[in-house]
Full PDB file with SEQRES, HELIX, SHEET, SSBOND, CRYST1, ORIGX, SCALE, CONECT and MASTER records, all heavy atoms in Angstrom:
SEQRES   1 A   32  ILE LEU THR SER ALA VAL ALA GLN CYS ILE LYS LYS ILE          
SEQRES   2 A   32  LEU VAL GLU ALA ASN THR ALA LEU MET GLU PRO VAL MET          
SEQRES   3 A   32  SER LEU GLU VAL VAL SER                                      
HELIX    1 AA1 LEU A    2  GLU A   16  1                                  15    
CRYST1    1.000    1.000    1.000  90.00  90.00  90.00 P 1           1          
ORIGX1      1.000000  0.000000  0.000000        0.00000                         
ORIGX2      0.000000  1.000000  0.000000        0.00000                         
ORIGX3      0.000000  0.000000  1.000000        0.00000                         
SCALE1      1.000000  0.000000  0.000000        0.00000                         
SCALE2      0.000000  1.000000  0.000000        0.00000                         
SCALE3      0.000000  0.000000  1.000000        0.00000                         
ATOM      1  N   ILE A   1      48.256  44.872 110.116  1.00  0.00           N  
ATOM      2  CA  ILE A   1      47.701  43.530 110.325  1.00  0.00           C  
ATOM      3  C   ILE A   1      47.419  42.870 108.980  1.00  0.00           C  
ATOM      4  O   ILE A   1      47.719  41.692 108.782  1.00  0.00           O  
ATOM      5  CB  ILE A   1      46.419  43.596 111.192  1.00  0.00           C  
ATOM      6  CG1 ILE A   1      46.791  44.012 112.615  1.00  0.00           C  
ATOM      7  CG2 ILE A   1      45.684  42.266 111.185  1.00  0.00           C  
ATOM      8  CD1 ILE A   1      45.622  44.257 113.528  1.00  0.00           C  
ATOM      9  N   LEU A   2      46.860  43.618 108.019  1.00  0.00           N  
ATOM     10  CA  LEU A   2      46.586  43.063 106.694  1.00  0.00           C  
ATOM     11  C   LEU A   2      47.883  42.645 106.001  1.00  0.00           C  
ATOM     12  O   LEU A   2      47.960  41.556 105.422  1.00  0.00           O  
ATOM     13  CB  LEU A   2      45.843  44.084 105.831  1.00  0.00           C  
ATOM     14  CG  LEU A   2      44.413  44.408 106.253  1.00  0.00           C  
ATOM     15  CD1 LEU A   2      43.850  45.532 105.398  1.00  0.00           C  
ATOM     16  CD2 LEU A   2      43.540  43.179 106.177  1.00  0.00           C  
ATOM     17  N   THR A   3      48.893  43.499 106.060  1.00  0.00           N  
ATOM     18  CA  THR A   3      50.182  43.199 105.433  1.00  0.00           C  
ATOM     19  C   THR A   3      50.792  41.944 106.038  1.00  0.00           C  
ATOM     20  O   THR A   3      51.302  41.071 105.331  1.00  0.00           O  
ATOM     21  CB  THR A   3      51.152  44.391 105.590  1.00  0.00           C  
ATOM     22  OG1 THR A   3      50.543  45.537 105.008  1.00  0.00           O  
ATOM     23  CG2 THR A   3      52.480  44.118 104.938  1.00  0.00           C  
ATOM     24  N   SER A   4      50.730  41.831 107.346  1.00  0.00           N  
ATOM     25  CA  SER A   4      51.277  40.665 108.037  1.00  0.00           C  
ATOM     26  C   SER A   4      50.531  39.392 107.647  1.00  0.00           C  
ATOM     27  O   SER A   4      51.147  38.345 107.401  1.00  0.00           O  
ATOM     28  CB  SER A   4      51.210  40.877 109.547  1.00  0.00           C  
ATOM     29  OG  SER A   4      51.678  39.745 110.232  1.00  0.00           O  
ATOM     30  N   ALA A   5      49.225  39.462 107.574  1.00  0.00           N  
ATOM     31  CA  ALA A   5      48.425  38.285 107.208  1.00  0.00           C  
ATOM     32  C   ALA A   5      48.731  37.833 105.782  1.00  0.00           C  
ATOM     33  O   ALA A   5      48.892  36.631 105.517  1.00  0.00           O  
ATOM     34  CB  ALA A   5      46.936  38.591 107.361  1.00  0.00           C  
ATOM     35  N   VAL A   6      48.816  38.773 104.867  1.00  0.00           N  
ATOM     36  CA  VAL A   6      49.126  38.434 103.478  1.00  0.00           C  
ATOM     37  C   VAL A   6      50.524  37.828 103.376  1.00  0.00           C  
ATOM     38  O   VAL A   6      50.744  36.836 102.666  1.00  0.00           O  
ATOM     39  CB  VAL A   6      48.980  39.676 102.564  1.00  0.00           C  
ATOM     40  CG1 VAL A   6      49.535  39.408 101.181  1.00  0.00           C  
ATOM     41  CG2 VAL A   6      47.526  40.095 102.484  1.00  0.00           C  
ATOM     42  N   ALA A   7      51.496  38.404 104.079  1.00  0.00           N  
ATOM     43  CA  ALA A   7      52.859  37.879 104.061  1.00  0.00           C  
ATOM     44  C   ALA A   7      52.902  36.441 104.594  1.00  0.00           C  
ATOM     45  O   ALA A   7      53.608  35.587 104.036  1.00  0.00           O  
ATOM     46  CB  ALA A   7      53.783  38.774 104.879  1.00  0.00           C  
ATOM     47  N   GLN A   8      52.161  36.164 105.658  1.00  0.00           N  
ATOM     48  CA  GLN A   8      52.120  34.806 106.200  1.00  0.00           C  
ATOM     49  C   GLN A   8      51.493  33.824 105.208  1.00  0.00           C  
ATOM     50  O   GLN A   8      51.961  32.689 105.072  1.00  0.00           O  
ATOM     51  CB  GLN A   8      51.361  34.780 107.527  1.00  0.00           C  
ATOM     52  CG  GLN A   8      52.111  35.414 108.674  1.00  0.00           C  
ATOM     53  CD  GLN A   8      51.298  35.434 109.963  1.00  0.00           C  
ATOM     54  OE1 GLN A   8      50.273  34.785 110.070  1.00  0.00           O  
ATOM     55  NE2 GLN A   8      51.775  36.202 110.936  1.00  0.00           N  
ATOM     56  N   CYS A   9      50.450  34.247 104.525  1.00  0.00           N  
ATOM     57  CA  CYS A   9      49.811  33.382 103.518  1.00  0.00           C  
ATOM     58  C   CYS A   9      50.770  33.075 102.372  1.00  0.00           C  
ATOM     59  O   CYS A   9      50.885  31.923 101.935  1.00  0.00           O  
ATOM     60  CB  CYS A   9      48.550  34.045 102.973  1.00  0.00           C  
ATOM     61  SG  CYS A   9      47.191  34.118 104.154  1.00  0.00           S  
ATOM     62  N   ILE A  10      51.463  34.083 101.882  1.00  0.00           N  
ATOM     63  CA  ILE A  10      52.401  33.883 100.771  1.00  0.00           C  
ATOM     64  C   ILE A  10      53.548  32.983 101.210  1.00  0.00           C  
ATOM     65  O   ILE A  10      53.966  32.086 100.475  1.00  0.00           O  
ATOM     66  CB  ILE A  10      52.901  35.237 100.235  1.00  0.00           C  
ATOM     67  CG1 ILE A  10      51.747  35.962  99.531  1.00  0.00           C  
ATOM     68  CG2 ILE A  10      54.080  35.048  99.292  1.00  0.00           C  
ATOM     69  CD1 ILE A  10      52.057  37.369  99.098  1.00  0.00           C  
ATOM     70  N   LYS A  11      54.053  33.182 102.419  1.00  0.00           N  
ATOM     71  CA  LYS A  11      55.129  32.339 102.932  1.00  0.00           C  
ATOM     72  C   LYS A  11      54.680  30.878 103.010  1.00  0.00           C  
ATOM     73  O   LYS A  11      55.408  29.971 102.609  1.00  0.00           O  
ATOM     74  CB  LYS A  11      55.582  32.821 104.308  1.00  0.00           C  
ATOM     75  CG  LYS A  11      56.725  32.028 104.875  1.00  0.00           C  
ATOM     76  CD  LYS A  11      57.187  32.573 106.212  1.00  0.00           C  
ATOM     77  CE  LYS A  11      58.318  31.729 106.756  1.00  0.00           C  
ATOM     78  NZ  LYS A  11      58.796  32.209 108.052  1.00  0.00           N  
ATOM     79  N   LYS A  12      53.471  30.640 103.479  1.00  0.00           N  
ATOM     80  CA  LYS A  12      52.947  29.273 103.576  1.00  0.00           C  
ATOM     81  C   LYS A  12      52.833  28.635 102.195  1.00  0.00           C  
ATOM     82  O   LYS A  12      53.210  27.478 101.995  1.00  0.00           O  
ATOM     83  CB  LYS A  12      51.581  29.277 104.265  1.00  0.00           C  
ATOM     84  CG  LYS A  12      50.995  27.894 104.450  1.00  0.00           C  
ATOM     85  CD  LYS A  12      49.667  27.932 105.170  1.00  0.00           C  
ATOM     86  CE  LYS A  12      49.106  26.522 105.298  1.00  0.00           C  
ATOM     87  NZ  LYS A  12      47.783  26.512 105.908  1.00  0.00           N  
ATOM     88  N   ILE A  13      52.368  29.386 101.222  1.00  0.00           N  
ATOM     89  CA  ILE A  13      52.236  28.875  99.853  1.00  0.00           C  
ATOM     90  C   ILE A  13      53.611  28.517  99.289  1.00  0.00           C  
ATOM     91  O   ILE A  13      53.790  27.460  98.672  1.00  0.00           O  
ATOM     92  CB  ILE A  13      51.530  29.916  98.951  1.00  0.00           C  
ATOM     93  CG1 ILE A  13      50.059  30.031  99.338  1.00  0.00           C  
ATOM     94  CG2 ILE A  13      51.675  29.559  97.478  1.00  0.00           C  
ATOM     95  CD1 ILE A  13      49.349  31.212  98.726  1.00  0.00           C  
ATOM     96  N   LEU A  14      54.588  29.382  99.501  1.00  0.00           N  
ATOM     97  CA  LEU A  14      55.929  29.126  98.977  1.00  0.00           C  
ATOM     98  C   LEU A  14      56.577  27.912  99.625  1.00  0.00           C  
ATOM     99  O   LEU A  14      57.251  27.129  98.954  1.00  0.00           O  
ATOM    100  CB  LEU A  14      56.813  30.362  99.158  1.00  0.00           C  
ATOM    101  CG  LEU A  14      56.426  31.586  98.328  1.00  0.00           C  
ATOM    102  CD1 LEU A  14      57.288  32.780  98.709  1.00  0.00           C  
ATOM    103  CD2 LEU A  14      56.523  31.289  96.847  1.00  0.00           C  
ATOM    104  N   VAL A  15      56.378  27.729 100.906  1.00  0.00           N  
ATOM    105  CA  VAL A  15      56.933  26.556 101.599  1.00  0.00           C  
ATOM    106  C   VAL A  15      56.283  25.282 101.075  1.00  0.00           C  
ATOM    107  O   VAL A  15      56.964  24.283 100.799  1.00  0.00           O  
ATOM    108  CB  VAL A  15      56.756  26.688 103.127  1.00  0.00           C  
ATOM    109  CG1 VAL A  15      57.050  25.373 103.824  1.00  0.00           C  
ATOM    110  CG2 VAL A  15      57.656  27.785 103.670  1.00  0.00           C  
ATOM    111  N   GLU A  16      54.977  25.291 100.916  1.00  0.00           N  
ATOM    112  CA  GLU A  16      54.264  24.108 100.424  1.00  0.00           C  
ATOM    113  C   GLU A  16      54.607  23.784  98.968  1.00  0.00           C  
ATOM    114  O   GLU A  16      54.521  22.641  98.552  1.00  0.00           O  
ATOM    115  CB  GLU A  16      52.757  24.301 100.581  1.00  0.00           C  
ATOM    116  CG  GLU A  16      52.302  24.263 102.028  1.00  0.00           C  
ATOM    117  CD  GLU A  16      50.815  24.544 102.192  1.00  0.00           C  
ATOM    118  OE1 GLU A  16      50.108  24.739 101.177  1.00  0.00           O  
ATOM    119  OE2 GLU A  16      50.364  24.566 103.353  1.00  0.00           O  
ATOM    120  N   ALA A  17      55.003  24.788  98.194  1.00  0.00           N  
ATOM    121  CA  ALA A  17      55.325  24.578  96.783  1.00  0.00           C  
ATOM    122  C   ALA A  17      56.774  24.137  96.571  1.00  0.00           C  
ATOM    123  O   ALA A  17      57.214  23.957  95.444  1.00  0.00           O  
ATOM    124  CB  ALA A  17      55.060  25.857  96.000  1.00  0.00           C  
ATOM    125  N   ASN A  18      57.529  23.959  97.658  1.00  0.00           N  
ATOM    126  CA  ASN A  18      58.940  23.553  97.574  1.00  0.00           C  
ATOM    127  C   ASN A  18      59.750  24.479  96.676  1.00  0.00           C  
ATOM    128  O   ASN A  18      60.485  24.045  95.804  1.00  0.00           O  
ATOM    129  CB  ASN A  18      59.079  22.107  97.094  1.00  0.00           C  
ATOM    130  CG  ASN A  18      58.569  21.120  98.107  1.00  0.00           C  
ATOM    131  OD1 ASN A  18      58.725  21.330  99.309  1.00  0.00           O  
ATOM    132  ND2 ASN A  18      57.940  20.064  97.644  1.00  0.00           N  
ATOM    133  N   THR A  19      59.603  25.774  96.899  1.00  0.00           N  
ATOM    134  CA  THR A  19      60.363  26.747  96.120  1.00  0.00           C  
ATOM    135  C   THR A  19      61.829  26.745  96.569  1.00  0.00           C  
ATOM    136  O   THR A  19      62.159  26.270  97.644  1.00  0.00           O  
ATOM    137  CB  THR A  19      59.787  28.167  96.298  1.00  0.00           C  
ATOM    138  OG1 THR A  19      59.769  28.483  97.687  1.00  0.00           O  
ATOM    139  CG2 THR A  19      58.406  28.264  95.720  1.00  0.00           C  
ATOM    140  N   ALA A  20      62.676  27.271  95.718  1.00  0.00           N  
ATOM    141  CA  ALA A  20      64.109  27.348  96.030  1.00  0.00           C  
ATOM    142  C   ALA A  20      64.640  28.701  95.589  1.00  0.00           C  
ATOM    143  O   ALA A  20      64.125  29.305  94.649  1.00  0.00           O  
ATOM    144  CB  ALA A  20      64.863  26.239  95.312  1.00  0.00           C  
ATOM    145  N   LEU A  21      65.659  29.151  96.267  1.00  0.00           N  
ATOM    146  CA  LEU A  21      66.314  30.397  95.876  1.00  0.00           C  
ATOM    147  C   LEU A  21      67.275  30.128  94.727  1.00  0.00           C  
ATOM    148  O   LEU A  21      67.994  29.130  94.729  1.00  0.00           O  
ATOM    149  CB  LEU A  21      67.085  30.996  97.048  1.00  0.00           C  
ATOM    150  CG  LEU A  21      66.262  31.564  98.195  1.00  0.00           C  
ATOM    151  CD1 LEU A  21      67.179  32.073  99.298  1.00  0.00           C  
ATOM    152  CD2 LEU A  21      65.370  32.691  97.712  1.00  0.00           C  
ATOM    153  N   MET A  22      67.294  31.037  93.778  1.00  0.00           N  
ATOM    154  CA  MET A  22      68.208  30.949  92.644  1.00  0.00           C  
ATOM    155  C   MET A  22      69.208  32.088  92.769  1.00  0.00           C  
ATOM    156  O   MET A  22      68.899  33.130  93.324  1.00  0.00           O  
ATOM    157  CB  MET A  22      67.444  31.075  91.329  1.00  0.00           C  
ATOM    158  CG  MET A  22      66.313  30.077  91.160  1.00  0.00           C  
ATOM    159  SD  MET A  22      66.887  28.403  90.941  1.00  0.00           S  
ATOM    160  CE  MET A  22      67.363  28.442  89.236  1.00  0.00           C  
ATOM    161  N   GLU A  23      70.419  31.860  92.261  1.00  0.00           N  
ATOM    162  CA  GLU A  23      71.429  32.908  92.280  1.00  0.00           C  
ATOM    163  C   GLU A  23      72.076  33.037  90.907  1.00  0.00           C  
ATOM    164  O   GLU A  23      72.201  32.052  90.185  1.00  0.00           O  
ATOM    165  CB  GLU A  23      72.488  32.639  93.349  1.00  0.00           C  
ATOM    166  CG  GLU A  23      73.336  31.428  93.119  1.00  0.00           C  
ATOM    167  CD  GLU A  23      74.354  31.203  94.235  1.00  0.00           C  
ATOM    168  OE1 GLU A  23      74.711  32.158  94.943  1.00  0.00           O  
ATOM    169  OE2 GLU A  23      74.792  30.064  94.387  1.00  0.00           O  
ATOM    170  N   PRO A  24      72.479  34.270  90.565  1.00  0.00           N  
ATOM    171  CA  PRO A  24      73.153  34.454  89.276  1.00  0.00           C  
ATOM    172  C   PRO A  24      74.554  33.847  89.301  1.00  0.00           C  
ATOM    173  O   PRO A  24      75.272  33.964  90.293  1.00  0.00           O  
ATOM    174  CB  PRO A  24      73.217  35.972  89.117  1.00  0.00           C  
ATOM    175  CG  PRO A  24      73.070  36.521  90.491  1.00  0.00           C  
ATOM    176  CD  PRO A  24      72.300  35.520  91.278  1.00  0.00           C  
ATOM    177  N   VAL A  25      74.913  33.196  88.203  1.00  0.00           N  
ATOM    178  CA  VAL A  25      76.240  32.599  88.057  1.00  0.00           C  
ATOM    179  C   VAL A  25      76.932  33.294  86.895  1.00  0.00           C  
ATOM    180  O   VAL A  25      76.336  33.500  85.836  1.00  0.00           O  
ATOM    181  CB  VAL A  25      76.139  31.077  87.798  1.00  0.00           C  
ATOM    182  CG1 VAL A  25      77.508  30.475  87.540  1.00  0.00           C  
ATOM    183  CG2 VAL A  25      75.473  30.392  88.972  1.00  0.00           C  
ATOM    184  N   MET A  26      78.177  33.653  87.103  1.00  0.00           N  
ATOM    185  CA  MET A  26      78.944  34.392  86.119  1.00  0.00           C  
ATOM    186  C   MET A  26      79.951  33.478  85.427  1.00  0.00           C  
ATOM    187  O   MET A  26      80.524  32.584  86.053  1.00  0.00           O  
ATOM    188  CB  MET A  26      79.699  35.545  86.781  1.00  0.00           C  
ATOM    189  CG  MET A  26      78.822  36.460  87.622  1.00  0.00           C  
ATOM    190  SD  MET A  26      77.463  37.195  86.723  1.00  0.00           S  
ATOM    191  CE  MET A  26      78.344  38.431  85.794  1.00  0.00           C  
ATOM    192  N   SER A  27      80.149  33.726  84.149  1.00  0.00           N  
ATOM    193  CA  SER A  27      81.227  33.091  83.415  1.00  0.00           C  
ATOM    194  C   SER A  27      82.458  33.951  83.683  1.00  0.00           C  
ATOM    195  O   SER A  27      82.448  35.158  83.449  1.00  0.00           O  
ATOM    196  CB  SER A  27      80.882  33.076  81.927  1.00  0.00           C  
ATOM    197  OG  SER A  27      81.938  32.541  81.190  1.00  0.00           O  
ATOM    198  N   LEU A  28      83.512  33.328  84.193  1.00  0.00           N  
ATOM    199  CA  LEU A  28      84.686  34.057  84.656  1.00  0.00           C  
ATOM    200  C   LEU A  28      85.913  33.591  83.892  1.00  0.00           C  
ATOM    201  O   LEU A  28      86.081  32.395  83.645  1.00  0.00           O  
ATOM    202  CB  LEU A  28      84.875  33.785  86.153  1.00  0.00           C  
ATOM    203  CG  LEU A  28      86.047  34.423  86.868  1.00  0.00           C  
ATOM    204  CD1 LEU A  28      85.849  35.929  86.960  1.00  0.00           C  
ATOM    205  CD2 LEU A  28      86.192  33.826  88.258  1.00  0.00           C  
ATOM    206  N   GLU A  29      86.750  34.552  83.507  1.00  0.00           N  
ATOM    207  CA  GLU A  29      88.007  34.244  82.835  1.00  0.00           C  
ATOM    208  C   GLU A  29      89.116  34.991  83.567  1.00  0.00           C  
ATOM    209  O   GLU A  29      89.086  36.222  83.654  1.00  0.00           O  
ATOM    210  CB  GLU A  29      87.937  34.680  81.384  1.00  0.00           C  
ATOM    211  CG  GLU A  29      89.160  34.330  80.578  1.00  0.00           C  
ATOM    212  CD  GLU A  29      89.016  34.741  79.122  1.00  0.00           C  
ATOM    213  OE1 GLU A  29      88.269  34.070  78.395  1.00  0.00           O  
ATOM    214  OE2 GLU A  29      89.635  35.751  78.736  1.00  0.00           O  
ATOM    215  N   VAL A  30      90.070  34.253  84.127  1.00  0.00           N  
ATOM    216  CA  VAL A  30      91.185  34.844  84.865  1.00  0.00           C  
ATOM    217  C   VAL A  30      92.465  34.550  84.104  1.00  0.00           C  
ATOM    218  O   VAL A  30      92.731  33.398  83.758  1.00  0.00           O  
ATOM    219  CB  VAL A  30      91.284  34.264  86.297  1.00  0.00           C  
ATOM    220  CG1 VAL A  30      92.452  34.899  87.053  1.00  0.00           C  
ATOM    221  CG2 VAL A  30      89.990  34.459  87.057  1.00  0.00           C  
ATOM    222  N   VAL A  31      93.264  35.578  83.837  1.00  0.00           N  
ATOM    223  CA  VAL A  31      94.554  35.420  83.169  1.00  0.00           C  
ATOM    224  C   VAL A  31      95.630  35.773  84.188  1.00  0.00           C  
ATOM    225  O   VAL A  31      95.630  36.876  84.745  1.00  0.00           O  
ATOM    226  CB  VAL A  31      94.669  36.325  81.919  1.00  0.00           C  
ATOM    227  CG1 VAL A  31      96.033  36.155  81.279  1.00  0.00           C  
ATOM    228  CG2 VAL A  31      93.558  36.005  80.936  1.00  0.00           C  
ATOM    229  N   SER A  32      96.530  34.808  84.421  1.00  0.00           N  
ATOM    230  CA  SER A  32      97.543  34.972  85.455  1.00  0.00           C  
ATOM    231  C   SER A  32      98.844  34.318  85.019  1.00  0.00           C  
ATOM    232  O   SER A  32      98.844  33.395  84.203  1.00  0.00           O  
ATOM    233  CB  SER A  32      97.046  34.328  86.753  1.00  0.00           C  
ATOM    234  OG  SER A  32      98.069  34.254  87.704  1.00  0.00           O  
TER     235      SER A  32                                                      
MASTER        0    0    0    1    0    0    0    6  234    1    0    3          
END                                                                             
């Protein structure tokens, strides 16, 4: 119950803060 409550609080904070997911981008070189 404690874990669930904390997770819900953190989720609410992240939604209100307009957070976004970031992804790694690679520099790619293809020789063909």
